[in-house]
């Protein structure tokens, strides 16, 4: 079995298999065809696993009403499969101001424009449900008593059966303080469960919202507040503030929440005399919410706007800097960070896939995708989509030679993951990895994946990214291939001046899923 495997491995080494390095595997730029001049594709954005919503709103005053495009990730590409529109459009309202997406639910706000570009007042939230392959509007939400400067739906967040609607506009009793309306689906309709108010009265409460399970993160001026549902009602759990953030720096304008982690942007945060921006990461521990890290841009320039938008998923953070001028003046960039046992570190800096301005106007992140918009973009805006490798979640192992076979859980469907083997102490010139073992002879020889077969058993081989004594390999599993019945076998085949050797003794990092 090992001899045939070695021949395949040697062929892959000599041919110099070309594979993109993690974390970013590829990308594409999307813009709708036949777009009316002055409209903006990418005005709003929402992402949930392999599906996304992209708003296309007019800059000019109504009667233009806007639209929302539904995209699905299929076969390695993002494809437009539906267009959402309100069932009963209201004259003077623009559809698609803010978006939220979770499973088969979508929430989309509409607003009233005053004829000024990018200035509008939200008034309604349209709830859609997906069924039989199409989206259908099922409910419209609005305040019981509309206000003159109402901004109901200015920010939206949705997770499962909980929907948070930010209204940072004026209120007749609490001017300019804002509120957040919380709805829950009861099996028949979305019912308002609570109205959250600011505990700090700093203004703009509800300008940004995020939901994860039974927690809601709400931004306001220079603060962010965590609310938790305790089984009875929603109560304040913590108030977050950057250790050196001050009012007027935009702290609380952008935020994200996942599990025990939160990130808050402050795009005008000062460093010395430069307003470069920052993003603050917080983590919930047994002692409460604590600041974990402060992220800063790596390119010093005035007006970088680092932290203009932020996203969080799977121990990764995406921070936009739509004023970054490293590549082009005002071209923008987005920073992808990853958390490890050593802390948060920059994993990749993303740039637009073609000519663009203000790249990073909006960002969204999931385990395998990063989406970034730019406004305007010659001339109608565009969405830039990047495919990400799954990060390895295991810590390095230094194992005794040839230990017992180890096992780990793997995703049922396709995925990409990366491993590293260190053979510097063995005298070998390089290594290849046997990543998976299967009890049958399943053929996975698609999408650049090699498979050695012998006696009804097969090894999925990671293609070399960085060959040498400290080698990095990426294994890619076809998207429609079930991994049921597979098990991880941490084996490395060492090649070079020394005789080939099969060993588990090297420093292997394998994702645990």
Protein backbone atom coordinates (compact mmCIF):
# COMPACT_ATOMS: atom_id res chain seq x y z
CA UNK A 1 0.00 0.00 0.00
CA UNK A 2 2.73 2.45 0.89
CA UNK A 3 4.73 1.82 -2.30
CA UNK A 4 1.88 2.84 -4.58
CA UNK A 5 1.18 5.80 -2.35
CA UNK A 6 4.81 6.89 -2.54
CA UNK A 7 4.77 6.84 -6.36
CA UNK A 8 1.74 9.10 -6.45
CA UNK A 9 3.29 11.39 -3.89
CA UNK A 10 6.56 11.60 -5.80
CA UNK A 11 4.70 12.48 -8.99
CA UNK A 12 2.79 15.21 -7.21
CA UNK A 13 6.03 16.62 -5.77
CA UNK A 14 7.91 16.67 -9.09
CA UNK A 15 4.95 18.15 -10.98
CA UNK A 16 4.75 21.04 -8.53
CA UNK A 17 1.05 20.89 -7.79
CA UNK A 18 -0.27 24.47 -7.93
CA UNK A 19 -2.70 25.11 -5.09
CA UNK A 20 -3.63 28.43 -3.54
CA UNK A 21 -2.43 28.84 -0.01
CA UNK A 22 -4.75 29.11 2.94
CA UNK A 23 -6.54 31.04 4.24
CA UNK A 24 -7.83 32.53 0.96
CA UNK A 25 -8.29 29.98 -1.79
CA UNK A 26 -9.91 32.10 -4.48
CA UNK A 27 -12.30 34.89 -5.17
CA UNK A 28 -14.73 36.39 -7.62
CA UNK A 29 -16.21 39.80 -8.28
CA UNK A 30 -19.97 40.00 -8.75
CA UNK A 31 -22.01 42.83 -10.21
CA UNK A 32 -25.49 42.59 -11.71
CA UNK A 33 -25.84 43.09 -15.48
CA UNK A 34 -27.92 45.88 -17.01
CA UNK A 35 -27.82 48.00 -13.89
CA UNK A 36 -29.31 51.49 -13.94
CA UNK A 37 -26.78 54.28 -13.59
CA UNK A 38 -26.85 55.75 -10.10
CA UNK A 39 -28.03 52.57 -8.39
CA UNK A 40 -25.72 50.85 -5.91
CA UNK A 41 -25.28 47.08 -5.86
CA UNK A 42 -23.94 46.10 -2.44
CA UNK A 43 -25.74 48.85 -0.55
CA UNK A 44 -26.62 46.24 2.10
CA UNK A 45 -25.36 42.72 2.81
CA UNK A 46 -26.12 39.58 4.83
CA UNK A 47 -24.45 36.15 4.84
CA UNK A 48 -25.49 32.81 6.31
CA UNK A 49 -23.30 29.86 5.38
CA UNK A 50 -23.80 29.15 1.66
CA UNK A 51 -26.42 31.83 1.05
CA UNK A 52 -26.30 35.63 0.95
CA UNK A 53 -28.51 38.66 0.42
CA UNK A 54 -27.21 41.71 -1.44
CA UNK A 55 -29.19 44.92 -1.52
CA UNK A 56 -29.34 47.16 -4.58
CA UNK A 57 -30.70 50.55 -3.62
CA UNK A 58 -30.98 53.75 -5.64
CA UNK A 59 -28.95 56.79 -4.67
CA UNK A 60 -31.48 59.08 -6.30
CA UNK A 61 -34.83 59.89 -4.77
CA UNK A 62 -37.88 57.62 -5.31
CA UNK A 63 -39.93 56.48 -7.25
CA UNK A 64 -37.09 53.93 -7.64
CA UNK A 65 -37.74 51.21 -5.03
CA UNK A 66 -34.58 49.07 -4.80
CA UNK A 67 -34.22 45.31 -4.82
CA UNK A 68 -32.55 42.50 -2.90
CA UNK A 69 -30.69 39.70 -4.70
CA UNK A 70 -30.49 36.19 -3.23
CA UNK A 71 -27.20 34.38 -3.91
CA UNK A 72 -26.27 30.74 -3.31
CA UNK A 73 -22.81 29.21 -3.24
CA UNK A 74 -22.84 26.30 -5.66
CA UNK A 75 -19.95 24.49 -7.28
CA UNK A 76 -17.42 26.96 -5.94
CA UNK A 77 -19.25 30.03 -7.28
CA UNK A 78 -21.87 32.49 -6.02
CA UNK A 79 -24.96 32.39 -8.23
CA UNK A 80 -28.00 34.65 -8.20
CA UNK A 81 -31.07 32.44 -7.81
CA UNK A 82 -33.83 34.81 -6.71
CA UNK A 83 -34.82 38.46 -6.32
CA UNK A 84 -36.80 39.64 -3.30
CA UNK A 85 -39.25 42.51 -3.45
CA UNK A 86 -42.05 43.74 -1.17
CA UNK A 87 -45.50 42.40 -1.85
CA UNK A 88 -47.10 45.83 -1.48
CA UNK A 89 -44.57 48.59 -2.28
CA UNK A 90 -45.20 51.93 -0.61
CA UNK A 91 -44.71 55.08 -2.67
CA UNK A 92 -41.64 56.95 -1.46
CA UNK A 93 -40.02 53.95 0.24
CA UNK A 94 -36.79 52.25 -0.81
CA UNK A 95 -36.55 48.51 -0.23
CA UNK A 96 -33.32 46.88 1.03
CA UNK A 97 -31.85 49.43 3.45
CA UNK A 98 -30.72 46.74 5.96
CA UNK A 99 -30.69 42.95 5.71
CA UNK A 100 -30.60 39.91 8.00
CA UNK A 101 -30.52 36.24 7.05
CA UNK A 102 -30.74 33.01 9.05
CA UNK A 103 -31.69 29.64 7.63
CA UNK A 104 -34.96 29.98 5.78
CA UNK A 105 -35.77 33.42 7.23
CA UNK A 106 -34.85 36.86 5.91
CA UNK A 107 -35.59 40.33 7.28
CA UNK A 108 -35.35 43.40 5.03
CA UNK A 109 -36.04 47.00 6.01
CA UNK A 110 -37.42 49.72 3.78
CA UNK A 111 -36.81 53.40 4.27
CA UNK A 112 -38.00 56.79 3.16
CA UNK A 113 -35.44 58.91 1.35
CA UNK A 114 -35.38 62.70 1.68
CA UNK A 115 -33.66 63.10 -1.67
CA UNK A 116 -30.18 63.18 -0.17
CA UNK A 117 -27.74 60.42 -1.14
CA UNK A 118 -27.23 57.80 1.59
CA UNK A 119 -29.54 59.65 4.04
CA UNK A 120 -32.82 57.95 4.79
CA UNK A 121 -35.20 57.02 7.59
CA UNK A 122 -36.28 53.39 8.02
CA UNK A 123 -39.93 52.68 8.70
CA UNK A 124 -40.79 49.02 8.00
CA UNK A 125 -39.25 45.57 8.20
CA UNK A 126 -40.41 42.90 5.76
CA UNK A 127 -40.07 39.27 6.87
CA UNK A 128 -39.61 36.60 4.19
CA UNK A 129 -39.65 32.83 4.43
CA UNK A 130 -38.15 30.43 1.93
CA UNK A 131 -40.25 27.53 0.71
CA UNK A 132 -40.46 25.43 -2.45
CA UNK A 133 -37.28 27.06 -3.72
CA UNK A 134 -38.57 30.66 -3.55
CA UNK A 135 -38.80 33.49 -1.03
CA UNK A 136 -42.25 34.67 0.06
CA UNK A 137 -43.10 37.70 2.19
CA UNK A 138 -45.06 36.56 5.23
CA UNK A 139 -45.18 39.55 7.57
CA UNK A 140 -44.48 43.30 7.82
CA UNK A 141 -43.28 44.79 11.11
CA UNK A 142 -43.39 48.42 12.18
CA UNK A 143 -43.66 50.58 15.26
CA UNK A 144 -47.06 50.97 16.89
CA UNK A 145 -46.67 54.75 16.98
CA UNK A 146 -44.37 56.01 14.21
CA UNK A 147 -42.12 58.93 15.04
CA UNK A 148 -41.18 61.87 12.83
CA UNK A 149 -37.52 60.86 12.67
CA UNK A 150 -38.15 57.15 12.97
CA UNK A 151 -35.27 54.82 12.01
CA UNK A 152 -37.00 51.53 12.79
CA UNK A 153 -35.02 48.91 10.89
CA UNK A 154 -31.86 50.97 10.52
CA UNK A 155 -30.01 47.88 11.79
CA UNK A 156 -31.14 44.25 11.70
CA UNK A 157 -29.88 40.98 13.20
CA UNK A 158 -31.46 37.54 12.99
CA UNK A 159 -30.54 34.18 14.48
CA UNK A 160 -33.00 31.31 14.47
CA UNK A 161 -36.26 32.52 15.95
CA UNK A 162 -34.93 35.82 17.38
CA UNK A 163 -34.98 39.06 15.37
CA UNK A 164 -33.51 42.33 16.68
CA UNK A 165 -34.52 45.60 14.99
CA UNK A 166 -32.49 48.69 15.78
CA UNK A 167 -34.18 52.10 15.93
CA UNK A 168 -31.49 54.67 16.80
CA UNK A 169 -33.70 57.61 15.80
CA UNK A 170 -35.60 60.07 17.91
CA UNK A 171 -38.23 59.05 20.41
CA UNK A 172 -40.84 61.42 21.78
CA UNK A 173 -39.96 60.58 25.40
CA UNK A 174 -36.22 59.95 25.08
CA UNK A 175 -34.92 62.18 22.24
CA UNK A 176 -32.14 60.67 20.15
CA UNK A 177 -31.51 57.79 22.57
CA UNK A 178 -32.96 55.02 20.42
CA UNK A 179 -34.22 51.51 21.14
CA UNK A 180 -34.07 47.91 19.94
CA UNK A 181 -37.24 45.94 19.25
CA UNK A 182 -36.92 42.19 19.84
CA UNK A 183 -39.24 39.79 18.03
CA UNK A 184 -39.54 36.04 18.41
CA UNK A 185 -41.22 33.53 16.11
CA UNK A 186 -43.85 31.59 18.05
CA UNK A 187 -44.54 29.00 15.37
CA UNK A 188 -47.19 31.08 13.62
CA UNK A 189 -45.91 34.66 13.41
CA UNK A 190 -43.23 37.04 14.65
CA UNK A 191 -44.33 38.61 17.91
CA UNK A 192 -42.65 41.51 19.67
CA UNK A 193 -41.13 40.19 22.87
CA UNK A 194 -39.34 43.22 24.28
CA UNK A 195 -38.10 46.74 23.64
CA UNK A 196 -34.55 47.28 24.87
CA UNK A 197 -33.47 50.74 25.99
CA UNK A 198 -30.06 52.18 26.65
CA UNK A 199 -28.66 51.74 30.16
CA UNK A 200 -26.19 54.54 29.52
CA UNK A 201 -28.29 57.18 27.69
CA UNK A 202 -25.39 58.15 25.43
CA UNK A 203 -27.39 58.42 22.19
CA UNK A 204 -27.80 56.35 19.04
CA UNK A 205 -28.71 53.16 20.90
CA UNK A 206 -29.52 50.53 18.25
CA UNK A 207 -27.27 51.90 15.51
CA UNK A 208 -25.80 48.39 15.21
CA UNK A 209 -27.14 45.05 16.47
CA UNK A 210 -26.03 41.43 16.50
CA UNK A 211 -27.81 38.29 17.71
CA UNK A 212 -26.34 34.94 18.69
CA UNK A 213 -28.66 32.49 20.39
CA UNK A 214 -30.14 34.15 23.47
CA UNK A 215 -27.77 37.12 23.45
CA UNK A 216 -28.05 40.47 21.69
CA UNK A 217 -25.22 42.96 21.26
CA UNK A 218 -26.29 46.59 20.79
CA UNK A 219 -24.11 49.53 19.83
CA UNK A 220 -24.47 53.15 20.81
CA UNK A 221 -22.13 56.11 21.15
CA UNK A 222 -18.80 54.88 22.63
CA UNK A 223 -20.41 51.77 24.14
CA UNK A 224 -21.76 48.34 23.27
CA UNK A 225 -24.18 46.45 25.50
CA UNK A 226 -24.76 42.70 25.84
CA UNK A 227 -28.29 41.59 26.69
CA UNK A 228 -29.18 38.00 27.60
CA UNK A 229 -32.50 36.24 27.79
CA UNK A 230 -32.62 34.47 31.15
CA UNK A 231 -35.70 32.41 30.41
CA UNK A 232 -38.02 35.10 31.69
CA UNK A 233 -36.97 38.26 29.85
CA UNK A 234 -34.07 40.22 28.40
CA UNK A 235 -31.63 41.69 30.89
CA UNK A 236 -28.38 43.63 30.59
CA UNK A 237 -25.41 41.28 31.00
CA UNK A 238 -22.47 43.62 30.33
CA UNK A 239 -21.41 46.96 28.89
CA UNK A 240 -18.34 46.88 26.65
CA UNK A 241 -15.92 49.75 26.12
CA UNK A 242 -12.47 49.86 24.55
CA UNK A 243 -9.76 50.58 27.09
CA UNK A 244 -8.59 53.66 25.19
CA UNK A 245 -11.68 54.44 23.11
CA UNK A 246 -13.33 57.83 23.62
CA UNK A 247 -16.59 59.36 22.37
CA UNK A 248 -16.53 60.49 18.78
CA UNK A 249 -14.36 57.63 17.50
CA UNK A 250 -17.22 55.51 16.19
CA UNK A 251 -16.98 52.79 18.83
CA UNK A 252 -20.29 50.93 18.64
CA UNK A 253 -21.10 51.81 15.02
CA UNK A 254 -20.07 48.33 13.86
CA UNK A 255 -20.10 45.10 15.83
CA UNK A 256 -20.51 41.33 15.67
CA UNK A 257 -21.22 38.54 18.14
CA UNK A 258 -20.53 34.81 18.06
CA UNK A 259 -20.71 32.56 21.08
CA UNK A 260 -18.47 33.95 23.82
CA UNK A 261 -16.73 36.43 21.50
CA UNK A 262 -17.63 39.95 20.38
CA UNK A 263 -15.92 42.52 18.19
CA UNK A 264 -16.60 46.26 18.09
CA UNK A 265 -15.19 48.67 15.52
CA UNK A 266 -14.03 52.24 16.12
CA UNK A 267 -13.15 53.62 12.69
CA UNK A 268 -11.95 57.03 13.91
CA UNK A 269 -9.89 55.77 16.83
CA UNK A 270 -6.77 57.90 17.28
CA UNK A 271 -3.23 56.57 17.38
CA UNK A 272 -1.00 59.47 18.25
CA UNK A 273 -2.24 62.14 15.87
CA UNK A 274 -3.64 59.83 13.24
CA UNK A 275 -7.26 58.69 13.02
CA UNK A 276 -6.49 55.25 11.68
CA UNK A 277 -9.19 53.29 13.51
CA UNK A 278 -9.24 50.14 15.62
CA UNK A 279 -11.29 47.06 16.39
CA UNK A 280 -11.71 45.72 19.93
CA UNK A 281 -12.25 42.04 20.69
CA UNK A 282 -14.02 40.90 23.85
CA UNK A 283 -14.52 37.44 25.33
CA UNK A 284 -16.91 36.13 27.97
CA UNK A 285 -15.23 34.17 30.75
CA UNK A 286 -16.30 32.94 34.17
CA UNK A 287 -15.58 36.44 35.49
CA UNK A 288 -17.64 38.18 32.80
CA UNK A 289 -16.89 39.97 29.55
CA UNK A 290 -13.27 41.12 29.22
CA UNK A 291 -11.37 42.94 26.49
CA UNK A 292 -9.19 40.35 24.77
CA UNK A 293 -7.34 42.30 22.08
CA UNK A 294 -7.14 45.57 20.18
CA UNK A 295 -6.58 45.22 16.45
CA UNK A 296 -4.84 48.00 14.54
CA UNK A 297 -4.12 48.56 10.84
CA UNK A 298 -0.70 47.72 9.49
CA UNK A 299 -0.64 50.60 7.01
CA UNK A 300 -0.30 54.01 8.62
CA UNK A 301 -2.33 56.68 6.87
CA UNK A 302 -4.81 59.33 7.91
CA UNK A 303 -8.42 58.33 7.36
CA UNK A 304 -7.88 54.59 6.93
CA UNK A 305 -11.24 53.96 8.66
CA UNK A 306 -10.05 50.64 10.05
CA UNK A 307 -13.03 49.17 11.90
CA UNK A 308 -15.64 50.78 9.67
CA UNK A 309 -17.32 47.35 9.49
CA UNK A 310 -16.51 44.12 11.33
CA UNK A 311 -17.53 40.46 11.19
CA UNK A 312 -16.82 37.40 13.31
CA UNK A 313 -17.02 33.66 12.60
CA UNK A 314 -15.22 30.45 13.54
CA UNK A 315 -12.35 32.07 15.48
CA UNK A 316 -11.79 34.53 12.65
CA UNK A 317 -12.45 38.26 12.46
CA UNK A 318 -12.84 40.42 9.36
CA UNK A 319 -12.21 44.16 9.73
CA UNK A 320 -12.73 46.63 6.91
CA UNK A 321 -10.60 49.69 6.21
CA UNK A 322 -12.33 51.31 3.26
CA UNK A 323 -9.91 54.24 3.33
CA UNK A 324 -6.77 52.10 3.14
CA UNK A 325 -4.51 53.36 0.35
CA UNK A 326 -1.79 50.70 0.30
CA UNK A 327 -2.72 49.59 -3.23
CA UNK A 328 -4.62 52.62 -4.54
CA UNK A 329 -5.66 55.97 -3.05
CA UNK A 330 -8.99 55.32 -1.36
CA UNK A 331 -9.06 51.78 -2.74
CA UNK A 332 -9.64 50.18 0.64
CA UNK A 333 -8.80 46.80 2.15
CA UNK A 334 -10.15 44.21 4.56
CA UNK A 335 -8.09 42.48 7.24
CA UNK A 336 -8.69 38.82 8.05
CA UNK A 337 -7.54 37.76 11.53
CA UNK A 338 -7.43 34.38 13.18
CA UNK A 339 -7.37 33.46 16.85
CA UNK A 340 -4.96 30.82 18.13
CA UNK A 341 -3.55 29.88 21.50
CA UNK A 342 -1.05 32.73 21.02
CA UNK A 343 -3.81 35.30 20.49
CA UNK A 344 -5.18 37.15 17.47
CA UNK A 345 -2.91 37.53 14.43
CA UNK A 346 -3.34 38.85 10.90
CA UNK A 347 -3.96 35.94 8.55
CA UNK A 348 -4.51 37.74 5.25
CA UNK A 349 -5.09 41.25 3.93
CA UNK A 350 -7.77 41.29 1.24
CA UNK A 351 -7.81 43.74 -1.65
CA UNK A 352 -10.41 44.30 -4.38
CA UNK A 353 -10.46 41.93 -7.32
CA UNK A 354 -10.16 44.70 -9.88
CA UNK A 355 -10.55 48.50 -9.92
CA UNK A 356 -12.54 49.71 -6.93
CA UNK A 357 -13.02 52.53 -4.46
CA UNK A 358 -13.93 52.20 -0.78
CA UNK A 359 -13.44 48.44 -0.76
CA UNK A 360 -14.69 47.38 2.66
CA UNK A 361 -17.86 49.46 2.77
CA UNK A 362 -19.60 46.33 4.08
CA UNK A 363 -18.20 42.96 5.13
CA UNK A 364 -19.64 39.57 6.04
CA UNK A 365 -17.89 36.44 7.24
CA UNK A 366 -18.68 32.78 7.67
CA UNK A 367 -16.59 29.68 8.18
CA UNK A 368 -15.66 29.32 4.51
CA UNK A 369 -16.56 32.67 2.91
CA UNK A 370 -15.69 36.34 3.23
CA UNK A 371 -17.81 38.91 1.38
CA UNK A 372 -16.75 42.54 0.86
CA UNK A 373 -18.57 45.34 -0.97
CA UNK A 374 -17.30 48.62 -2.37
CA UNK A 375 -19.25 51.80 -3.12
CA UNK A 376 -19.23 53.07 -5.75
CA UNK A 377 -17.45 50.73 -8.14
CA UNK A 378 -17.48 51.77 -11.78
CA UNK A 379 -20.24 52.82 -11.47
CA UNK A 380 -22.79 50.58 -9.76
CA UNK A 381 -20.96 48.86 -6.91
CA UNK A 382 -19.79 45.28 -6.65
CA UNK A 383 -19.52 42.33 -4.30
CA UNK A 384 -16.16 40.62 -3.88
CA UNK A 385 -16.40 37.03 -2.61
CA UNK A 386 -13.43 35.11 -1.19
CA UNK A 387 -13.31 31.39 -0.42
CA UNK A 388 -11.59 30.54 2.85
CA UNK A 389 -9.97 27.35 4.05
CA UNK A 390 -11.24 25.88 7.27
CA UNK A 391 -8.75 26.79 10.00
CA UNK A 392 -7.11 23.96 11.90
CA UNK A 393 -8.42 23.92 15.44
CA UNK A 394 -6.03 21.48 17.02
CA UNK A 395 -2.86 22.44 18.82
CA UNK A 396 0.44 21.02 17.52
CA UNK A 397 1.16 17.49 18.67
CA UNK A 398 4.59 16.01 19.26
CA UNK A 399 3.90 12.31 19.30
CA UNK A 400 6.05 9.26 19.90
CA UNK A 401 6.93 7.30 16.76
CA UNK A 402 4.03 5.41 15.22
CA UNK A 403 1.41 5.80 17.94
CA UNK A 404 -1.99 4.24 17.77
CA UNK A 405 -4.33 5.54 15.10
CA UNK A 406 -6.04 8.74 16.20
CA UNK A 407 -9.51 9.85 15.20
CA UNK A 408 -11.45 13.09 14.98
CA UNK A 409 -14.83 14.22 13.76
CA UNK A 410 -15.06 15.63 10.26
CA UNK A 411 -17.80 17.51 8.42
CA UNK A 412 -20.33 15.33 6.65
CA UNK A 413 -20.00 17.37 3.46
CA UNK A 414 -16.99 18.75 1.66
CA UNK A 415 -14.47 21.07 3.24
CA UNK A 416 -10.91 22.31 3.01
CA UNK A 417 -8.40 22.05 5.82
CA UNK A 418 -4.69 22.56 6.24
CA UNK A 419 -2.01 20.55 8.00
CA UNK A 420 1.64 21.11 8.78
CA UNK A 421 4.38 18.53 9.22
CA UNK A 422 7.83 19.36 10.59
CA UNK A 423 10.57 16.91 9.62
CA UNK A 424 13.57 19.19 10.18
CA UNK A 425 14.98 16.86 12.82
CA UNK A 426 14.84 13.72 10.66
CA UNK A 427 17.19 14.71 7.86
CA UNK A 428 14.46 14.35 5.24
CA UNK A 429 13.93 17.02 2.62
CA UNK A 430 10.14 17.05 2.73
CA UNK A 431 6.97 15.30 3.74
CA UNK A 432 3.56 14.42 2.42
CA UNK A 433 0.51 13.83 4.52
CA UNK A 434 -1.94 10.97 4.65
CA UNK A 435 -4.94 12.87 5.97
CA UNK A 436 -7.90 10.50 5.80
CA UNK A 437 -8.46 6.79 5.66
CA UNK A 438 -11.62 5.06 4.47
CA UNK A 439 -12.70 1.43 4.81
CA UNK A 440 -13.80 1.26 1.17
CA UNK A 441 -12.23 2.32 -2.11
CA UNK A 442 -14.11 5.60 -2.61
CA UNK A 443 -12.59 7.66 -5.37
CA UNK A 444 -11.96 11.28 -4.38
CA UNK A 445 -9.73 12.15 -7.30
CA UNK A 446 -11.51 15.42 -8.09
CA UNK A 447 -10.64 19.06 -7.50
CA UNK A 448 -6.92 18.40 -7.18
CA UNK A 449 -7.24 15.75 -4.47
CA UNK A 450 -5.05 12.66 -4.81
CA UNK A 451 -6.12 9.25 -3.60
CA UNK A 452 -4.04 6.11 -3.28
CA UNK A 453 -6.00 2.85 -3.37
CA UNK A 454 -4.86 -0.55 -2.26
CA UNK A 455 -6.76 -3.52 -0.86
CA UNK A 456 -10.01 -1.64 -0.35
CA UNK A 457 -8.41 1.15 1.68
CA UNK A 458 -7.60 4.66 0.49
CA UNK A 459 -5.59 7.62 1.69
CA UNK A 460 -6.58 11.20 0.93
CA UNK A 461 -3.34 13.04 0.29
CA UNK A 462 -2.83 16.72 1.02
CA UNK A 463 -1.41 18.67 -1.92
CA UNK A 464 1.84 20.47 -0.97
CA UNK A 465 1.58 24.22 -0.54
CA UNK A 466 4.95 24.94 1.05
CA UNK A 467 7.27 22.00 0.35
CA UNK A 468 10.37 21.44 2.40
CA UNK A 469 11.38 20.17 5.83
CA UNK A 470 8.61 22.30 7.35
CA UNK A 471 5.85 21.53 4.88
CA UNK A 472 2.31 22.82 4.69
CA UNK A 473 -0.37 20.77 2.96
CA UNK A 474 -3.96 21.42 2.05
CA UNK A 475 -6.55 18.69 1.70
CA UNK A 476 -9.71 19.49 -0.19
CA UNK A 477 -12.73 17.23 -0.07
CA UNK A 478 -15.26 17.53 -2.92
CA UNK A 479 -18.35 19.44 -1.89
CA UNK A 480 -20.80 16.60 -2.54
CA UNK A 481 -18.71 13.84 -1.01
CA UNK A 482 -19.94 12.36 2.23
CA UNK A 483 -17.24 11.68 4.81
CA UNK A 484 -19.31 9.20 6.75
CA UNK A 485 -17.15 6.16 7.37
CA UNK A 486 -13.86 8.05 7.17
CA UNK A 487 -11.44 8.41 10.01
CA UNK A 488 -8.38 10.60 10.50
CA UNK A 489 -5.02 8.88 10.36
CA UNK A 490 -2.16 11.20 11.24
CA UNK A 491 0.62 9.84 9.05
CA UNK A 492 3.40 11.61 7.19
CA UNK A 493 5.51 10.08 4.43
CA UNK A 494 9.00 11.60 4.58
CA UNK A 495 11.07 11.80 1.38
CA UNK A 496 14.53 13.08 0.50
CA UNK A 497 18.13 11.99 0.98
CA UNK A 498 17.17 9.57 3.72
CA UNK A 499 15.17 6.42 2.92
CA UNK A 500 11.43 7.09 2.73
CA UNK A 501 9.82 6.61 6.10
CA UNK A 502 6.23 6.52 7.27
CA UNK A 503 5.89 8.15 10.64
CA UNK A 504 3.46 9.80 12.99
CA UNK A 505 6.23 11.30 15.05
CA UNK A 506 6.24 14.73 13.44
CA UNK A 507 4.49 17.93 14.41
CA UNK A 508 1.06 17.51 12.85
CA UNK A 509 -1.71 20.09 13.01
CA UNK A 510 -5.06 18.74 11.87
CA UNK A 511 -8.42 20.47 12.05
CA UNK A 512 -10.86 18.99 14.54
CA UNK A 513 -14.45 19.50 13.43
